[in-house]
Amino acid sequence: MVSWRGSLLHYETLVCSHPKEFKVLHQTLNTTLLHITWVILHSYIF
C-alpha cells in the first residue's frame, strides 16, 4: 500500500507542476472511460 500512496503523491506533484496538460489529459481519460462504459452497457442491454 506504500507504493500506491507514493505513486498517488507523485501524480499529484505532476498535476501541480503541469496543471493545464493534466486537465486536458484527465478530461480525455474521463470521456474515453464514459464512452467505453456506454458501449459495454449497450452491448449488454441490446
N, C-alpha and C. Protein backbone atom coordinates (compact mmCIF):
# COMPACT_ATOMS: atom_id res chain seq x y z
N MET A 1 0.81 -1.21 0.00
CA MET A 1 0.00 0.00 0.00
C MET A 1 0.86 1.27 0.00
N VAL A 2 2.10 1.13 0.45
CA VAL A 2 3.01 2.29 0.48
C VAL A 2 3.30 2.78 -0.94
N SER A 3 3.51 1.84 -1.86
CA SER A 3 3.81 2.20 -3.24
C SER A 3 2.62 2.90 -3.91
N TRP A 4 1.39 2.45 -3.57
CA TRP A 4 0.19 3.07 -4.14
C TRP A 4 0.08 4.52 -3.69
N ARG A 5 0.30 4.75 -2.39
CA ARG A 5 0.24 6.12 -1.87
C ARG A 5 1.37 6.98 -2.42
N GLY A 6 2.53 6.36 -2.61
CA GLY A 6 3.67 7.07 -3.16
C GLY A 6 3.43 7.51 -4.59
N SER A 7 2.83 6.61 -5.39
CA SER A 7 2.55 6.94 -6.78
C SER A 7 1.46 8.00 -6.88
N LEU A 8 0.49 7.96 -5.96
CA LEU A 8 -0.56 8.96 -5.94
C LEU A 8 0.00 10.34 -5.61
N LEU A 9 0.93 10.37 -4.66
CA LEU A 9 1.59 11.61 -4.28
C LEU A 9 2.42 12.14 -5.45
N HIS A 10 3.10 11.24 -6.15
CA HIS A 10 3.89 11.60 -7.32
C HIS A 10 2.99 12.18 -8.41
N TYR A 11 1.83 11.57 -8.61
CA TYR A 11 0.85 12.03 -9.60
C TYR A 11 0.36 13.44 -9.25
N GLU A 12 0.05 13.66 -7.96
CA GLU A 12 -0.41 14.97 -7.52
C GLU A 12 0.66 16.04 -7.71
N THR A 13 1.91 15.67 -7.49
CA THR A 13 3.03 16.59 -7.71
C THR A 13 3.13 16.96 -9.18
N LEU A 14 2.97 15.97 -10.08
CA LEU A 14 2.99 16.21 -11.51
C LEU A 14 1.84 17.12 -11.94
N VAL A 15 0.65 16.87 -11.38
CA VAL A 15 -0.53 17.68 -11.70
C VAL A 15 -0.30 19.14 -11.29
N CYS A 16 0.32 19.33 -10.12
CA CYS A 16 0.58 20.69 -9.63
C CYS A 16 1.60 21.41 -10.51
N SER A 17 2.57 20.68 -11.04
CA SER A 17 3.60 21.31 -11.86
C SER A 17 3.16 21.51 -13.32
N HIS A 18 2.18 20.72 -13.79
CA HIS A 18 1.66 20.86 -15.16
C HIS A 18 0.13 20.82 -15.14
N PRO A 19 -0.54 21.82 -14.55
CA PRO A 19 -1.99 21.75 -14.40
C PRO A 19 -2.76 21.74 -15.71
N LYS A 20 -2.33 22.54 -16.69
CA LYS A 20 -3.07 22.63 -17.96
C LYS A 20 -3.05 21.32 -18.72
N GLU A 21 -1.86 20.72 -18.86
CA GLU A 21 -1.72 19.47 -19.60
C GLU A 21 -2.53 18.36 -18.95
N PHE A 22 -2.46 18.30 -17.61
CA PHE A 22 -3.16 17.22 -16.92
C PHE A 22 -4.67 17.40 -16.93
N LYS A 23 -5.12 18.66 -16.99
CA LYS A 23 -6.56 18.91 -17.07
C LYS A 23 -7.10 18.34 -18.38
N VAL A 24 -6.38 18.57 -19.47
CA VAL A 24 -6.76 18.05 -20.78
C VAL A 24 -6.72 16.52 -20.78
N LEU A 25 -5.61 15.97 -20.24
CA LEU A 25 -5.44 14.53 -20.18
C LEU A 25 -6.54 13.88 -19.36
N HIS A 26 -6.86 14.51 -18.22
CA HIS A 26 -7.89 13.99 -17.33
C HIS A 26 -9.25 14.00 -18.01
N GLN A 27 -9.57 15.08 -18.71
CA GLN A 27 -10.84 15.18 -19.43
C GLN A 27 -10.93 14.13 -20.53
N THR A 28 -9.81 13.92 -21.23
CA THR A 28 -9.76 12.91 -22.29
C THR A 28 -9.99 11.52 -21.72
N LEU A 29 -9.32 11.23 -20.59
CA LEU A 29 -9.48 9.92 -19.94
C LEU A 29 -10.92 9.72 -19.48
N ASN A 30 -11.52 10.74 -18.88
CA ASN A 30 -12.89 10.65 -18.41
C ASN A 30 -13.85 10.40 -19.56
N THR A 31 -13.67 11.12 -20.67
CA THR A 31 -14.52 10.96 -21.85
C THR A 31 -14.38 9.55 -22.42
N THR A 32 -13.14 9.07 -22.49
CA THR A 32 -12.88 7.73 -23.02
C THR A 32 -13.53 6.67 -22.13
N LEU A 33 -13.37 6.82 -20.81
CA LEU A 33 -13.95 5.86 -19.86
C LEU A 33 -15.47 5.86 -19.96
N LEU A 34 -16.06 7.05 -20.07
CA LEU A 34 -17.51 7.15 -20.22
C LEU A 34 -17.97 6.45 -21.49
N HIS A 35 -17.24 6.67 -22.57
CA HIS A 35 -17.58 6.07 -23.86
C HIS A 35 -17.50 4.56 -23.80
N ILE A 36 -16.42 4.04 -23.20
CA ILE A 36 -16.24 2.59 -23.06
C ILE A 36 -17.35 1.99 -22.21
N THR A 37 -17.67 2.65 -21.08
CA THR A 37 -18.74 2.18 -20.21
C THR A 37 -20.07 2.15 -20.95
N TRP A 38 -20.33 3.20 -21.73
CA TRP A 38 -21.55 3.32 -22.51
C TRP A 38 -21.67 2.17 -23.51
N VAL A 39 -20.57 1.90 -24.22
CA VAL A 39 -20.55 0.83 -25.21
C VAL A 39 -20.78 -0.52 -24.55
N ILE A 40 -20.12 -0.76 -23.41
CA ILE A 40 -20.28 -2.03 -22.69
C ILE A 40 -21.72 -2.20 -22.22
N LEU A 41 -22.28 -1.14 -21.65
CA LEU A 41 -23.67 -1.19 -21.18
C LEU A 41 -24.62 -1.50 -22.32
N HIS A 42 -24.43 -0.85 -23.45
CA HIS A 42 -25.31 -1.07 -24.60
C HIS A 42 -25.17 -2.46 -25.18
N SER A 43 -23.95 -3.00 -25.16
CA SER A 43 -23.75 -4.35 -25.69
C SER A 43 -24.41 -5.40 -24.78
N TYR A 44 -24.54 -5.08 -23.48
CA TYR A 44 -25.21 -6.00 -22.57
C TYR A 44 -26.73 -5.87 -22.67
N ILE A 45 -27.21 -4.63 -22.85
CA ILE A 45 -28.66 -4.39 -22.88
C ILE A 45 -29.27 -4.90 -24.19
N PHE A 46 -28.62 -4.57 -25.33
CA PHE A 46 -29.21 -4.93 -26.62
C PHE A 46 -28.55 -6.17 -27.21
